[in-house]
Amino acid sequence: MLAATIGAAPLPDATQVLRDAVSAYARYSYIGQVQSTDFGTSRANSVVFRIEHRAPDKTRRWYLAPESLYGDFIISNGDTSYDVDPHKKRIVVMRDDAIDDQIAQDDNFGLLLHNYRAVPAPDDNAAGRRVLSVMLINKYTGETVMRIGVDAETKLVLQKDRYAPSGSISHQMRFEQIRFTDAIPGGLFSVPDSGYQRMQGQSHGNPSSDLQAAVRTAGFKALGPKYLPEGFLPIAADVSDIKGVRTLHLLYSDGLRTVSLFENARGAAVDLKPYTVHDAKVRSYSARYVEDGPTTLLAWAQSGLHIALVGEISRDELIKIAGSF
């Protein structure tokens, strides 16, 4: 046993690996192919795309599968993305707040380390390269929420498994191929203009860390929760028009998981038609909820407002948050 311990390679500092991974996206340029799969309650949705990334912040994703998306591509310049559909000659402009091959944004990395333990796991292999594996374990619940595979040389995230509270895999991202190179033409990141209809996506405009300022501009008396799960903090807010309805959006996070609160005073309830809807109670108010993989949506009306909570937490936790309004 002693000999095995002496001969074993020392495990890397998992926290330092994560720190390096946060900055790797902005430091390395590469070309690759990625498979990304979301596992819902009863189905899985998978996409395969070619990716060209030119550090620090220009990325092009060109879809190879499924067939319905073949040829579509997304160009990201900084925090703005352009979803280009060449068949319909349409470009949807949106904020890019969830980059698949990045572990965390710099501004919430400290919150992530405050709420999660980074634990080294055995090395793995992705796209023919050795990767260092790190498990992220919630300090309050003891649950493993994510396993990250970081390229041993560049520290770029090459694979990622996200787990639901049940322990099942809810999301998986894998680089199937990758080649690091600076020889990527700038023209690849040009957004087509002539002949395309440009539309604003249903993303939220300019989130602000000044939550009170956003609430004041909502145009109605907003409600908020007195309870949040351990580790969650309010981090951003914005007010935007969703299908012509002025809507307040508050974002809460523990550095890895998020809960979004949407409110409006125009009688516009959330459209739940595509989902299997269940009844619930928020104190004395009738509510409805849907569950899809790790994500739960809870909607109800209270004090003249239509309210929805969307989070990567359990239904019981969402109902507890809603009951504290």
Protein backbone atom coordinates (compact mmCIF):
# COMPACT_ATOMS: atom_id res chain seq x y z
CA MET A 1 0.00 0.00 0.00
CA LEU A 2 2.85 2.35 0.94
CA ALA A 3 4.68 1.56 -2.32
CA ALA A 4 1.55 2.28 -4.34
CA THR A 5 1.16 5.61 -2.58
CA ILE A 6 4.78 6.56 -3.20
CA GLY A 7 4.61 5.59 -6.87
CA ALA A 8 1.31 7.31 -7.61
CA ALA A 9 1.37 10.62 -9.47
CA PRO A 10 0.23 13.49 -7.23
CA LEU A 11 -3.26 14.77 -7.95
CA PRO A 12 -3.40 18.36 -9.26
CA ASP A 13 -4.73 21.28 -7.23
CA ALA A 14 -8.35 21.15 -8.41
CA THR A 15 -9.08 24.77 -7.50
CA GLN A 16 -6.08 26.01 -9.48
CA VAL A 17 -7.13 23.86 -12.45
CA LEU A 18 -10.51 25.61 -12.41
CA ARG A 19 -8.87 29.05 -12.15
CA ASP A 20 -6.77 28.24 -15.20
CA ALA A 21 -9.84 26.95 -17.06
CA VAL A 22 -11.69 30.24 -16.58
CA SER A 23 -8.98 32.19 -18.42
CA ALA A 24 -8.12 29.54 -21.04
CA TYR A 25 -11.08 30.41 -23.29
CA ALA A 26 -9.74 33.94 -23.74
CA ARG A 27 -6.12 32.82 -24.29
CA TYR A 28 -6.29 30.00 -26.84
CA SER A 29 -7.59 29.86 -30.40
CA TYR A 30 -8.75 26.55 -31.79
CA ILE A 31 -10.83 24.63 -34.33
CA GLY A 32 -12.83 21.60 -33.27
CA GLN A 33 -16.01 19.55 -33.28
CA VAL A 34 -18.34 19.32 -30.29
CA GLN A 35 -21.27 17.15 -29.28
CA SER A 36 -23.67 18.64 -26.74
CA THR A 37 -26.63 16.73 -25.28
CA ASP A 38 -29.41 17.82 -22.93
CA PHE A 39 -31.23 15.01 -21.17
CA GLY A 40 -34.84 15.85 -20.37
CA THR A 41 -37.29 13.88 -18.28
CA SER A 42 -38.25 11.55 -21.13
CA ARG A 43 -36.07 12.53 -24.09
CA ALA A 44 -32.62 13.72 -25.08
CA ASN A 45 -31.75 16.52 -27.48
CA SER A 46 -28.30 16.37 -29.03
CA VAL A 47 -26.45 18.67 -31.41
CA VAL A 48 -23.09 18.37 -33.16
CA PHE A 49 -21.31 21.50 -34.34
CA ARG A 50 -17.98 22.59 -35.76
CA ILE A 51 -16.41 25.37 -33.73
CA GLU A 52 -13.83 28.01 -34.61
CA HIS A 53 -12.72 30.17 -31.71
CA ARG A 54 -10.36 33.12 -32.07
CA ALA A 55 -9.15 34.37 -28.71
CA PRO A 56 -10.18 36.29 -26.81
CA ASP A 57 -13.89 36.45 -27.64
CA LYS A 58 -14.85 35.55 -31.23
CA THR A 59 -16.55 32.21 -31.87
CA ARG A 60 -18.39 30.56 -34.77
CA ARG A 61 -20.49 27.41 -34.30
CA TRP A 62 -21.68 25.67 -37.46
CA TYR A 63 -24.27 22.91 -36.95
CA LEU A 64 -23.71 19.47 -38.46
CA ALA A 65 -26.60 17.66 -36.72
CA PRO A 66 -29.50 17.26 -36.32
CA GLU A 67 -30.60 17.62 -39.92
CA SER A 68 -33.12 20.34 -39.02
CA LEU A 69 -30.23 22.61 -37.94
CA TYR A 70 -27.70 21.59 -40.58
CA GLY A 71 -26.03 24.67 -42.03
CA ASP A 72 -27.27 27.07 -39.34
CA PHE A 73 -24.53 28.85 -37.42
CA ILE A 74 -24.01 31.14 -34.46
CA ILE A 75 -21.41 33.89 -34.39
CA SER A 76 -20.45 35.29 -30.99
CA ASN A 77 -18.62 38.59 -30.69
CA GLY A 78 -18.02 39.34 -27.04
CA ASP A 79 -21.30 38.91 -25.16
CA THR A 80 -23.52 39.29 -28.24
CA SER A 81 -24.49 36.34 -30.44
CA TYR A 82 -26.01 36.20 -33.92
CA ASP A 83 -28.05 33.07 -34.66
CA VAL A 84 -27.99 32.80 -38.45
CA ASP A 85 -30.53 30.71 -40.38
CA PRO A 86 -29.40 30.74 -44.05
CA HIS A 87 -32.51 28.85 -45.19
CA LYS A 88 -35.00 31.36 -43.77
CA LYS A 89 -32.62 34.28 -44.36
CA ARG A 90 -33.02 35.32 -40.73
CA ILE A 91 -30.61 36.49 -38.00
CA VAL A 92 -31.66 36.48 -34.34
CA VAL A 93 -29.56 38.77 -32.14
CA MET A 94 -29.21 37.82 -28.49
CA ARG A 95 -26.93 38.07 -25.50
CA ASP A 96 -24.64 35.07 -25.13
CA ASP A 97 -24.75 34.27 -21.43
CA ALA A 98 -24.06 30.52 -21.56
CA ILE A 99 -20.99 29.45 -23.45
CA ASP A 100 -20.77 25.64 -23.56
CA ASP A 101 -17.00 25.36 -23.43
CA GLN A 102 -16.46 27.79 -20.56
CA ILE A 103 -16.77 26.71 -16.93
CA ALA A 104 -17.69 30.09 -15.47
CA GLN A 105 -17.61 33.78 -16.08
CA ASP A 106 -14.98 35.71 -14.15
CA ASP A 107 -17.60 37.66 -12.21
CA ASN A 108 -19.23 34.59 -10.63
CA PHE A 109 -16.17 32.37 -10.17
CA GLY A 110 -15.64 33.58 -6.61
CA LEU A 111 -19.24 32.70 -5.78
CA LEU A 112 -18.76 29.24 -7.29
CA LEU A 113 -15.71 28.55 -5.10
CA HIS A 114 -17.56 29.84 -2.05
CA ASN A 115 -20.37 27.30 -2.53
CA TYR A 116 -18.61 24.32 -4.13
CA ARG A 117 -15.66 22.10 -3.26
CA ALA A 118 -13.38 21.34 -6.19
CA VAL A 119 -12.19 17.74 -5.84
CA PRO A 120 -9.70 16.08 -8.22
CA ALA A 121 -10.80 12.87 -9.97
CA PRO A 122 -8.86 10.37 -12.12
CA ASP A 123 -7.53 11.66 -15.45
CA ASP A 124 -9.55 11.02 -18.59
CA ASN A 125 -9.17 11.44 -22.34
CA ALA A 126 -11.08 13.70 -24.75
CA ALA A 127 -10.42 14.34 -28.44
CA GLY A 128 -7.22 12.33 -28.10
CA ARG A 129 -5.84 14.58 -25.36
CA ARG A 130 -5.24 13.94 -21.65
CA VAL A 131 -7.68 15.80 -19.45
CA LEU A 132 -7.61 16.57 -15.73
CA SER A 133 -10.95 15.77 -14.10
CA VAL A 134 -12.51 17.93 -11.38
CA MET A 135 -15.72 17.25 -9.46
CA LEU A 136 -17.75 20.20 -8.15
CA ILE A 137 -19.54 19.23 -4.92
CA ASN A 138 -22.10 21.51 -3.27
CA LYS A 139 -20.89 22.38 0.24
CA TYR A 140 -24.42 22.52 1.66
CA THR A 141 -26.05 19.45 0.14
CA GLY A 142 -23.03 17.25 -0.53
CA GLU A 143 -24.32 16.62 -4.07
CA THR A 144 -21.96 16.38 -7.03
CA VAL A 145 -23.33 18.94 -9.49
CA MET A 146 -20.71 18.83 -12.25
CA ARG A 147 -17.69 16.90 -13.50
CA ILE A 148 -15.30 18.90 -15.66
CA GLY A 149 -12.56 17.60 -17.94
CA VAL A 150 -9.79 20.18 -18.50
CA ASP A 151 -7.07 19.79 -21.14
CA ALA A 152 -3.87 19.02 -19.24
CA GLU A 153 -1.78 21.36 -21.43
CA THR A 154 -3.97 24.40 -22.17
CA LYS A 155 -6.56 24.02 -19.36
CA LEU A 156 -9.41 24.50 -21.84
CA VAL A 157 -12.61 22.67 -20.84
CA LEU A 158 -12.94 19.72 -23.23
CA GLN A 159 -15.76 17.82 -21.56
CA LYS A 160 -18.44 18.51 -19.00
CA ASP A 161 -21.09 16.41 -17.27
CA ARG A 162 -23.84 18.11 -15.30
CA TYR A 163 -25.92 16.14 -12.81
CA ALA A 164 -29.54 16.48 -11.72
CA PRO A 165 -30.43 16.27 -7.99
CA SER A 166 -31.29 12.58 -8.57
CA GLY A 167 -27.70 11.93 -9.67
CA SER A 168 -28.61 11.34 -13.31
CA ILE A 169 -26.71 13.18 -16.06
CA SER A 170 -28.71 16.20 -17.24
CA HIS A 171 -26.22 17.74 -19.68
CA GLN A 172 -23.12 16.48 -21.43
CA MET A 173 -20.61 18.34 -23.58
CA ARG A 174 -17.68 16.67 -25.38
CA PHE A 175 -15.03 17.85 -27.82
CA GLU A 176 -14.72 15.07 -30.40
CA GLN A 177 -11.85 16.81 -32.22
CA ILE A 178 -9.72 19.86 -31.46
CA ARG A 179 -6.73 21.58 -33.05
CA PHE A 180 -5.09 24.62 -31.50
CA THR A 181 -4.14 27.27 -34.06
CA ASP A 182 -3.98 31.04 -34.46
CA ALA A 183 -4.43 30.77 -38.25
CA ILE A 184 -8.19 31.42 -38.26
CA PRO A 185 -9.39 34.02 -40.80
CA GLY A 186 -11.22 36.98 -39.29
CA GLY A 187 -13.83 36.78 -42.03
CA LEU A 188 -15.31 33.66 -40.42
CA PHE A 189 -16.73 35.88 -37.68
CA SER A 190 -18.41 38.39 -39.99
CA VAL A 191 -22.19 38.53 -39.63
CA PRO A 192 -24.04 38.44 -42.97
CA ASP A 193 -26.14 41.48 -43.66
CA SER A 194 -27.51 41.76 -47.19
CA GLY A 195 -30.69 39.77 -47.78
CA TYR A 196 -31.22 38.79 -44.13
CA GLN A 197 -34.01 39.84 -41.79
CA ARG A 198 -32.57 40.80 -38.42
CA MET A 199 -34.66 40.07 -35.31
CA GLN A 200 -34.17 40.64 -31.60
CA GLY A 201 -34.19 37.36 -29.66
CA GLN A 202 -35.98 36.79 -26.39
CA SER A 203 -32.85 37.46 -24.42
CA HIS A 204 -32.71 40.06 -21.75
CA GLY A 205 -31.19 43.36 -22.39
CA ASN A 206 -28.19 44.72 -20.44
CA PRO A 207 -28.32 43.00 -17.07
CA SER A 208 -27.32 45.24 -14.18
CA SER A 209 -25.93 44.47 -10.76
CA ASP A 210 -28.05 47.36 -9.44
CA LEU A 211 -31.19 45.34 -8.73
CA GLN A 212 -33.04 48.21 -7.04
CA ALA A 213 -32.59 50.41 -10.11
CA ALA A 214 -34.05 47.70 -12.36
CA VAL A 215 -37.00 47.19 -10.01
CA ARG A 216 -37.72 50.95 -10.05
CA THR A 217 -37.94 50.96 -13.86
CA ALA A 218 -40.32 47.98 -14.04
CA GLY A 219 -43.42 50.19 -13.98
CA PHE A 220 -45.18 48.14 -11.29
CA LYS A 221 -44.71 47.24 -7.63
CA ALA A 222 -42.56 44.14 -7.79
CA LEU A 223 -42.48 41.27 -5.32
CA GLY A 224 -39.44 39.31 -4.23
CA PRO A 225 -38.53 36.29 -2.11
CA LYS A 226 -37.43 36.40 1.52
CA TYR A 227 -35.96 32.91 1.22
CA LEU A 228 -33.29 31.54 -1.12
CA PRO A 229 -31.50 28.16 -0.92
CA GLU A 230 -28.14 28.27 0.85
CA GLY A 231 -25.44 29.81 -1.29
CA PHE A 232 -27.76 31.68 -3.68
CA LEU A 233 -27.42 35.45 -4.07
CA PRO A 234 -29.09 38.03 -6.35
CA ILE A 235 -26.53 38.86 -9.04
CA ALA A 236 -28.30 40.70 -11.89
CA ALA A 237 -31.54 42.24 -13.06
CA ASP A 238 -33.05 43.73 -16.20
CA VAL A 239 -36.33 44.96 -17.61
CA SER A 240 -37.28 44.09 -21.18
CA ASP A 241 -40.27 43.56 -23.44
CA ILE A 242 -41.18 39.91 -23.97
CA LYS A 243 -43.82 39.58 -26.67
CA GLY A 244 -44.79 43.19 -26.05
CA VAL A 245 -45.14 42.81 -22.28
CA ARG A 246 -42.83 44.75 -19.97
CA THR A 247 -41.16 42.11 -17.81
CA LEU A 248 -38.84 42.31 -14.83
CA HIS A 249 -36.15 39.60 -14.64
CA LEU A 250 -34.10 38.98 -11.49
CA LEU A 251 -31.28 36.43 -11.60
CA TYR A 252 -30.03 34.51 -8.58
CA SER A 253 -27.03 32.18 -8.59
CA ASP A 254 -24.77 30.08 -6.38
CA GLY A 255 -21.98 30.36 -8.94
CA LEU A 256 -23.06 27.27 -10.88
CA ARG A 257 -26.83 26.86 -10.68
CA THR A 258 -29.25 29.70 -11.39
CA VAL A 259 -32.81 30.70 -10.52
CA SER A 260 -34.59 33.29 -12.66
CA LEU A 261 -37.59 35.29 -11.45
CA PHE A 262 -39.91 36.83 -14.07
CA GLU A 263 -42.72 39.25 -13.21
CA ASN A 264 -45.19 41.28 -15.25
CA ALA A 265 -48.38 43.21 -14.50
CA ARG A 266 -50.04 42.86 -17.89
CA GLY A 267 -51.93 39.60 -17.37
CA ALA A 268 -49.46 37.64 -19.49
CA ALA A 269 -49.02 34.17 -18.05
CA VAL A 270 -46.22 31.83 -19.08
CA ASP A 271 -47.00 29.70 -22.14
CA LEU A 272 -46.75 26.10 -20.92
CA LYS A 273 -48.42 24.43 -23.90
CA PRO A 274 -45.32 22.51 -25.08
CA TYR A 275 -44.95 20.81 -21.68
CA THR A 276 -46.68 18.35 -19.37
CA VAL A 277 -48.16 20.65 -16.73
CA HIS A 278 -48.81 19.76 -13.10
CA ASP A 279 -50.87 21.62 -10.47
CA ALA A 280 -49.34 22.97 -7.27
CA LYS A 281 -50.03 25.43 -4.47
CA VAL A 282 -48.06 28.51 -3.48
CA ARG A 283 -49.61 29.21 -0.10
CA SER A 284 -53.28 29.83 -1.03
CA TYR A 285 -52.53 30.57 -4.71
CA SER A 286 -53.07 28.05 -7.49
CA ALA A 287 -49.84 27.36 -9.36
CA ARG A 288 -48.57 25.23 -12.23
CA TYR A 289 -45.19 23.66 -12.75
CA VAL A 290 -43.25 21.70 -15.35
CA GLU A 291 -40.07 19.67 -14.93
CA ASP A 292 -37.64 19.02 -17.76
CA GLY A 293 -34.42 17.33 -16.73
CA PRO A 294 -32.75 19.44 -14.03
CA THR A 295 -34.87 22.51 -14.76
CA THR A 296 -38.17 23.29 -13.05
CA LEU A 297 -40.57 26.10 -13.93
CA LEU A 298 -43.20 27.27 -11.44
CA ALA A 299 -45.82 29.89 -12.39
CA TRP A 300 -48.63 31.57 -10.45
CA ALA A 301 -50.53 34.88 -10.08
CA GLN A 302 -50.30 37.00 -6.93
CA SER A 303 -51.21 40.60 -6.04
CA GLY A 304 -52.05 41.47 -9.64
CA LEU A 305 -48.77 40.09 -10.98
CA HIS A 306 -47.97 37.05 -13.10
CA ILE A 307 -44.85 35.45 -11.65
CA ALA A 308 -42.61 32.62 -12.83
CA LEU A 309 -39.57 31.00 -11.26
CA VAL A 310 -37.23 28.95 -13.44
CA GLY A 311 -34.39 27.13 -11.75
CA GLU A 312 -31.94 24.28 -11.80
CA ILE A 313 -33.25 23.15 -8.42
CA SER A 314 -36.06 20.91 -7.21
CA ARG A 315 -39.76 21.70 -7.34
CA ASP A 316 -39.95 21.71 -3.51
CA GLU A 317 -37.22 24.34 -3.31
CA LEU A 318 -38.94 26.53 -5.92
CA ILE A 319 -42.24 26.28 -4.04
CA LYS A 320 -40.42 27.24 -0.81
CA ILE A 321 -38.94 30.31 -2.55
CA ALA A 322 -42.35 31.23 -3.98
CA GLY A 323 -44.00 30.84 -0.57
CA SER A 324 -41.66 33.48 0.87
CA PHE A 325 -42.85 36.29 -1.45
